[in-house]
Amino acid sequence: MEKRKLTFKNRLIAFVIMPLWAAFITSLAESLIKRTLLNVDTMITIFILALIVYVCYPFFSEEKFEAIFVRDSHSSFDCKIRRHKSFFIEQTLLWLFVGAWTGIEAVILF
């Protein structure tokens, strides 16, 4: 079976937009809990962590990744979100949880 490649648009979505979204959501949740402004250093750290997660994602959940970014490579980002709502909701909730966890942990330890 022929292995299809990711297009530039899908690489941009999977490895730039999604980690940026994760960094923003996590930092926002953390800053709201700690009642501080968004911290750029924290966002960069979370972006690097999210980038590692999204680079490893195709190895852990190949079917879901292939369905979203390879088979539906011709679809627009909006169409991908509508067609695969569960994936994008799951990712948003995951990073909100991480932000809430780190925010609560920082408030308790501080």
N, C-alpha and C. Protein backbone atom coordinates (compact mmCIF):
# COMPACT_ATOMS: atom_id res chain seq x y z
N MET A 1 0.84 -1.18 0.00
CA MET A 1 0.00 0.00 0.00
C MET A 1 0.89 1.24 0.00
N GLU A 2 0.53 2.18 -0.81
CA GLU A 2 1.32 3.40 -0.95
C GLU A 2 1.09 4.32 0.25
N LYS A 3 2.18 4.83 0.78
CA LYS A 3 2.11 5.75 1.91
C LYS A 3 2.03 7.18 1.40
N ARG A 4 0.96 7.88 1.72
CA ARG A 4 0.81 9.26 1.28
C ARG A 4 1.51 10.20 2.25
N LYS A 5 1.96 11.31 1.74
CA LYS A 5 2.70 12.29 2.53
C LYS A 5 1.79 13.42 2.98
N LEU A 6 2.24 14.12 4.01
CA LEU A 6 1.54 15.31 4.47
C LEU A 6 1.81 16.47 3.52
N THR A 7 0.80 17.22 3.23
CA THR A 7 0.99 18.42 2.42
C THR A 7 1.54 19.53 3.32
N PHE A 8 2.03 20.59 2.70
CA PHE A 8 2.57 21.71 3.47
C PHE A 8 1.50 22.30 4.39
N LYS A 9 0.28 22.44 3.88
CA LYS A 9 -0.82 23.00 4.67
C LYS A 9 -1.09 22.14 5.90
N ASN A 10 -1.08 20.82 5.73
CA ASN A 10 -1.35 19.94 6.87
C ASN A 10 -0.19 19.90 7.85
N ARG A 11 1.03 20.03 7.36
CA ARG A 11 2.18 20.15 8.27
C ARG A 11 2.07 21.43 9.09
N LEU A 12 1.65 22.49 8.43
CA LEU A 12 1.48 23.76 9.12
C LEU A 12 0.41 23.66 10.21
N ILE A 13 -0.68 23.02 9.89
CA ILE A 13 -1.75 22.84 10.87
C ILE A 13 -1.30 21.95 12.02
N ALA A 14 -0.73 20.79 11.70
CA ALA A 14 -0.40 19.81 12.73
C ALA A 14 0.79 20.21 13.60
N PHE A 15 1.77 20.89 13.01
CA PHE A 15 3.00 21.12 13.75
C PHE A 15 3.30 22.58 14.06
N VAL A 16 2.40 23.50 13.66
CA VAL A 16 2.57 24.91 14.02
C VAL A 16 1.30 25.44 14.68
N ILE A 17 0.17 25.35 13.98
CA ILE A 17 -1.07 25.92 14.51
C ILE A 17 -1.55 25.18 15.75
N MET A 18 -1.54 23.86 15.72
CA MET A 18 -2.00 23.10 16.89
C MET A 18 -1.11 23.34 18.12
N PRO A 19 0.23 23.30 18.02
CA PRO A 19 1.04 23.63 19.19
C PRO A 19 0.88 25.07 19.67
N LEU A 20 0.70 26.02 18.74
CA LEU A 20 0.45 27.40 19.15
C LEU A 20 -0.87 27.51 19.90
N TRP A 21 -1.88 26.82 19.41
CA TRP A 21 -3.18 26.80 20.09
C TRP A 21 -3.03 26.18 21.48
N ALA A 22 -2.29 25.09 21.57
CA ALA A 22 -2.07 24.43 22.86
C ALA A 22 -1.33 25.36 23.82
N ALA A 23 -0.31 26.05 23.34
CA ALA A 23 0.45 26.96 24.20
C ALA A 23 -0.42 28.12 24.67
N PHE A 24 -1.25 28.65 23.78
CA PHE A 24 -2.12 29.76 24.16
C PHE A 24 -3.16 29.33 25.18
N ILE A 25 -3.83 28.21 24.91
CA ILE A 25 -4.89 27.72 25.81
C ILE A 25 -4.31 27.39 27.19
N THR A 26 -3.18 26.71 27.21
CA THR A 26 -2.56 26.32 28.47
C THR A 26 -2.12 27.55 29.26
N SER A 27 -1.47 28.47 28.60
CA SER A 27 -1.02 29.69 29.28
C SER A 27 -2.19 30.54 29.76
N LEU A 28 -3.24 30.60 28.95
CA LEU A 28 -4.42 31.36 29.35
C LEU A 28 -5.07 30.76 30.59
N ALA A 29 -5.25 29.45 30.60
CA ALA A 29 -5.85 28.79 31.77
C ALA A 29 -4.98 28.99 33.01
N GLU A 30 -3.69 28.84 32.85
CA GLU A 30 -2.77 29.01 33.98
C GLU A 30 -2.78 30.45 34.49
N SER A 31 -2.77 31.41 33.58
CA SER A 31 -2.74 32.81 34.01
C SER A 31 -4.06 33.24 34.66
N LEU A 32 -5.17 32.69 34.19
CA LEU A 32 -6.45 33.01 34.83
C LEU A 32 -6.53 32.47 36.24
N ILE A 33 -5.99 31.29 36.46
CA ILE A 33 -6.01 30.71 37.80
C ILE A 33 -5.06 31.46 38.73
N LYS A 34 -3.88 31.82 38.22
CA LYS A 34 -2.90 32.53 39.04
C LYS A 34 -3.17 34.04 39.09
N ARG A 35 -4.12 34.52 38.31
CA ARG A 35 -4.48 35.93 38.23
C ARG A 35 -3.28 36.78 37.84
N THR A 36 -2.62 36.37 36.78
CA THR A 36 -1.48 37.10 36.24
C THR A 36 -1.68 37.31 34.75
N LEU A 37 -0.77 38.07 34.16
CA LEU A 37 -0.79 38.24 32.71
C LEU A 37 -0.17 37.03 32.04
N LEU A 38 -0.41 36.89 30.74
CA LEU A 38 0.21 35.80 30.00
C LEU A 38 1.73 35.96 30.04
N ASN A 39 2.42 34.88 30.32
CA ASN A 39 3.86 34.90 30.41
C ASN A 39 4.44 34.31 29.13
N VAL A 40 5.26 35.08 28.42
CA VAL A 40 5.82 34.64 27.14
C VAL A 40 6.77 33.46 27.34
N ASP A 41 7.56 33.48 28.41
CA ASP A 41 8.48 32.37 28.67
C ASP A 41 7.73 31.05 28.87
N THR A 42 6.63 31.13 29.59
CA THR A 42 5.81 29.93 29.79
C THR A 42 5.21 29.47 28.48
N MET A 43 4.75 30.41 27.66
CA MET A 43 4.16 30.04 26.36
C MET A 43 5.19 29.36 25.47
N ILE A 44 6.42 29.83 25.48
CA ILE A 44 7.47 29.21 24.66
C ILE A 44 7.76 27.80 25.15
N THR A 45 7.83 27.63 26.46
CA THR A 45 8.07 26.30 27.03
C THR A 45 6.93 25.34 26.69
N ILE A 46 5.72 25.81 26.82
CA ILE A 46 4.56 24.97 26.50
C ILE A 46 4.50 24.68 25.01
N PHE A 47 4.87 25.66 24.17
CA PHE A 47 4.91 25.44 22.73
C PHE A 47 5.89 24.31 22.39
N ILE A 48 7.05 24.33 23.00
CA ILE A 48 8.05 23.27 22.74
C ILE A 48 7.51 21.92 23.20
N LEU A 49 6.89 21.87 24.39
CA LEU A 49 6.29 20.64 24.88
C LEU A 49 5.18 20.16 23.94
N ALA A 50 4.32 21.07 23.51
CA ALA A 50 3.22 20.70 22.61
C ALA A 50 3.76 20.25 21.26
N LEU A 51 4.81 20.88 20.78
CA LEU A 51 5.42 20.47 19.52
C LEU A 51 5.94 19.04 19.61
N ILE A 52 6.57 18.71 20.73
CA ILE A 52 7.04 17.33 20.93
C ILE A 52 5.86 16.37 20.94
N VAL A 53 4.78 16.75 21.62
CA VAL A 53 3.59 15.90 21.67
C VAL A 53 3.01 15.69 20.28
N TYR A 54 2.90 16.76 19.50
CA TYR A 54 2.30 16.63 18.17
C TYR A 54 3.22 15.95 17.17
N VAL A 55 4.52 16.03 17.37
CA VAL A 55 5.44 15.28 16.50
C VAL A 55 5.34 13.79 16.80
N CYS A 56 5.17 13.44 18.07
CA CYS A 56 5.04 12.02 18.46
C CYS A 56 3.64 11.46 18.24
N TYR A 57 2.65 12.32 18.07
CA TYR A 57 1.26 11.88 17.95
C TYR A 57 1.03 10.87 16.82
N PRO A 58 1.63 11.05 15.64
CA PRO A 58 1.38 10.05 14.58
C PRO A 58 1.87 8.65 14.93
N PHE A 59 2.82 8.54 15.83
CA PHE A 59 3.32 7.22 16.23
C PHE A 59 2.39 6.55 17.23
N PHE A 60 1.71 7.34 18.06
CA PHE A 60 0.83 6.77 19.08
C PHE A 60 -0.60 6.56 18.59
N SER A 61 -1.07 7.43 17.73
CA SER A 61 -2.43 7.31 17.21
C SER A 61 -2.41 7.52 15.70
N GLU A 62 -1.82 6.57 15.03
CA GLU A 62 -1.61 6.69 13.58
C GLU A 62 -2.93 6.78 12.81
N GLU A 63 -3.92 6.00 13.21
CA GLU A 63 -5.19 5.99 12.48
C GLU A 63 -5.88 7.34 12.50
N LYS A 64 -5.96 7.93 13.69
CA LYS A 64 -6.64 9.22 13.82
C LYS A 64 -5.86 10.32 13.09
N PHE A 65 -4.55 10.32 13.26
CA PHE A 65 -3.71 11.32 12.59
C PHE A 65 -3.83 11.20 11.08
N GLU A 66 -3.79 9.98 10.57
CA GLU A 66 -3.89 9.77 9.13
C GLU A 66 -5.27 10.17 8.62
N ALA A 67 -6.31 9.89 9.38
CA ALA A 67 -7.66 10.26 8.95
C ALA A 67 -7.81 11.78 8.84
N ILE A 68 -7.22 12.50 9.77
CA ILE A 68 -7.39 13.96 9.78
C ILE A 68 -6.46 14.65 8.80
N PHE A 69 -5.18 14.29 8.84
CA PHE A 69 -4.19 15.07 8.12
C PHE A 69 -3.72 14.47 6.79
N VAL A 70 -4.00 13.19 6.54
CA VAL A 70 -3.55 12.59 5.29
C VAL A 70 -4.75 12.32 4.37
N ARG A 71 -5.73 11.57 4.85
CA ARG A 71 -6.88 11.26 4.00
C ARG A 71 -7.71 12.49 3.68
N ASP A 72 -7.85 13.39 4.66
CA ASP A 72 -8.61 14.62 4.44
C ASP A 72 -7.69 15.79 4.15
N SER A 73 -6.58 15.52 3.47
CA SER A 73 -5.59 16.56 3.22
C SER A 73 -6.13 17.66 2.31
N HIS A 74 -7.10 17.34 1.49
CA HIS A 74 -7.67 18.32 0.57
C HIS A 74 -8.66 19.25 1.25
N SER A 75 -9.14 18.89 2.43
CA SER A 75 -10.16 19.67 3.13
C SER A 75 -9.56 20.92 3.76
N SER A 76 -10.40 21.92 3.93
CA SER A 76 -9.97 23.14 4.60
C SER A 76 -9.90 22.87 6.11
N PHE A 77 -9.24 23.77 6.82
CA PHE A 77 -9.10 23.62 8.27
C PHE A 77 -10.47 23.63 8.94
N ASP A 78 -11.36 24.49 8.46
CA ASP A 78 -12.71 24.57 8.99
C ASP A 78 -13.45 23.25 8.79
N CYS A 79 -13.30 22.67 7.62
CA CYS A 79 -13.95 21.39 7.32
C CYS A 79 -13.37 20.27 8.18
N LYS A 80 -12.06 20.30 8.41
CA LYS A 80 -11.42 19.31 9.28
C LYS A 80 -11.99 19.39 10.70
N ILE A 81 -12.17 20.61 11.18
CA ILE A 81 -12.71 20.79 12.53
C ILE A 81 -14.13 20.27 12.60
N ARG A 82 -14.94 20.57 11.60
CA ARG A 82 -16.33 20.08 11.60
C ARG A 82 -16.40 18.57 11.49
N ARG A 83 -15.54 17.98 10.67
CA ARG A 83 -15.58 16.54 10.43
C ARG A 83 -14.99 15.74 11.60
N HIS A 84 -13.99 16.29 12.25
CA HIS A 84 -13.31 15.58 13.34
C HIS A 84 -13.40 16.38 14.63
N LYS A 85 -14.62 16.74 15.02
CA LYS A 85 -14.84 17.55 16.21
C LYS A 85 -14.23 16.93 17.45
N SER A 86 -14.37 15.64 17.60
CA SER A 86 -13.91 14.98 18.82
C SER A 86 -12.41 15.15 19.03
N PHE A 87 -11.63 15.08 17.96
CA PHE A 87 -10.18 15.25 18.08
C PHE A 87 -9.84 16.65 18.56
N PHE A 88 -10.43 17.66 17.95
CA PHE A 88 -10.10 19.03 18.30
C PHE A 88 -10.64 19.42 19.68
N ILE A 89 -11.80 18.90 20.05
CA ILE A 89 -12.32 19.13 21.40
C ILE A 89 -11.43 18.44 22.42
N GLU A 90 -11.03 17.21 22.12
CA GLU A 90 -10.15 16.46 23.01
C GLU A 90 -8.82 17.19 23.22
N GLN A 91 -8.25 17.72 22.17
CA GLN A 91 -6.98 18.43 22.28
C GLN A 91 -7.14 19.72 23.07
N THR A 92 -8.23 20.45 22.84
CA THR A 92 -8.47 21.68 23.60
C THR A 92 -8.65 21.38 25.07
N LEU A 93 -9.44 20.38 25.40
CA LEU A 93 -9.66 20.02 26.80
C LEU A 93 -8.39 19.51 27.46
N LEU A 94 -7.58 18.76 26.72
CA LEU A 94 -6.31 18.28 27.26
C LEU A 94 -5.43 19.44 27.69
N TRP A 95 -5.27 20.43 26.82
CA TRP A 95 -4.38 21.55 27.14
C TRP A 95 -5.00 22.49 28.16
N LEU A 96 -6.33 22.60 28.21
CA LEU A 96 -6.97 23.35 29.29
C LEU A 96 -6.72 22.68 30.63
N PHE A 97 -6.81 21.36 30.64
CA PHE A 97 -6.55 20.61 31.87
C PHE A 97 -5.10 20.80 32.32
N VAL A 98 -4.16 20.73 31.37
CA VAL A 98 -2.74 20.93 31.71
C VAL A 98 -2.54 22.33 32.29
N GLY A 99 -3.15 23.34 31.68
CA GLY A 99 -3.03 24.70 32.19
C GLY A 99 -3.65 24.87 33.56
N ALA A 100 -4.82 24.27 33.75
CA ALA A 100 -5.48 24.34 35.06
C ALA A 100 -4.64 23.62 36.11
N TRP A 101 -4.12 22.48 35.76
CA TRP A 101 -3.29 21.70 36.69
C TRP A 101 -2.06 22.48 37.12
N THR A 102 -1.33 23.03 36.16
CA THR A 102 -0.11 23.77 36.50
C THR A 102 -0.44 25.06 37.23
N GLY A 103 -1.55 25.69 36.89
CA GLY A 103 -1.96 26.91 37.60
C GLY A 103 -2.33 26.63 39.03
N ILE A 104 -3.11 25.59 39.26
CA ILE A 104 -3.50 25.22 40.63
C ILE A 104 -2.28 24.79 41.42
N GLU A 105 -1.40 24.03 40.79
CA GLU A 105 -0.19 23.60 41.47
C GLU A 105 0.68 24.79 41.86
N ALA A 106 0.80 25.78 40.99
CA ALA A 106 1.61 26.96 41.29
C ALA A 106 0.98 27.78 42.41
N VAL A 107 -0.35 27.88 42.45
CA VAL A 107 -1.02 28.63 43.50
C VAL A 107 -0.87 27.92 44.84
N ILE A 108 -0.99 26.60 44.84
CA ILE A 108 -0.88 25.85 46.10
C ILE A 108 0.54 25.88 46.63
N LEU A 109 1.52 25.74 45.76
CA LEU A 109 2.92 25.72 46.21
C LEU A 109 3.46 27.11 46.50
N PHE A 110 2.81 28.15 45.98
CA PHE A 110 3.30 29.49 46.19
C PHE A 110 2.79 29.98 47.50
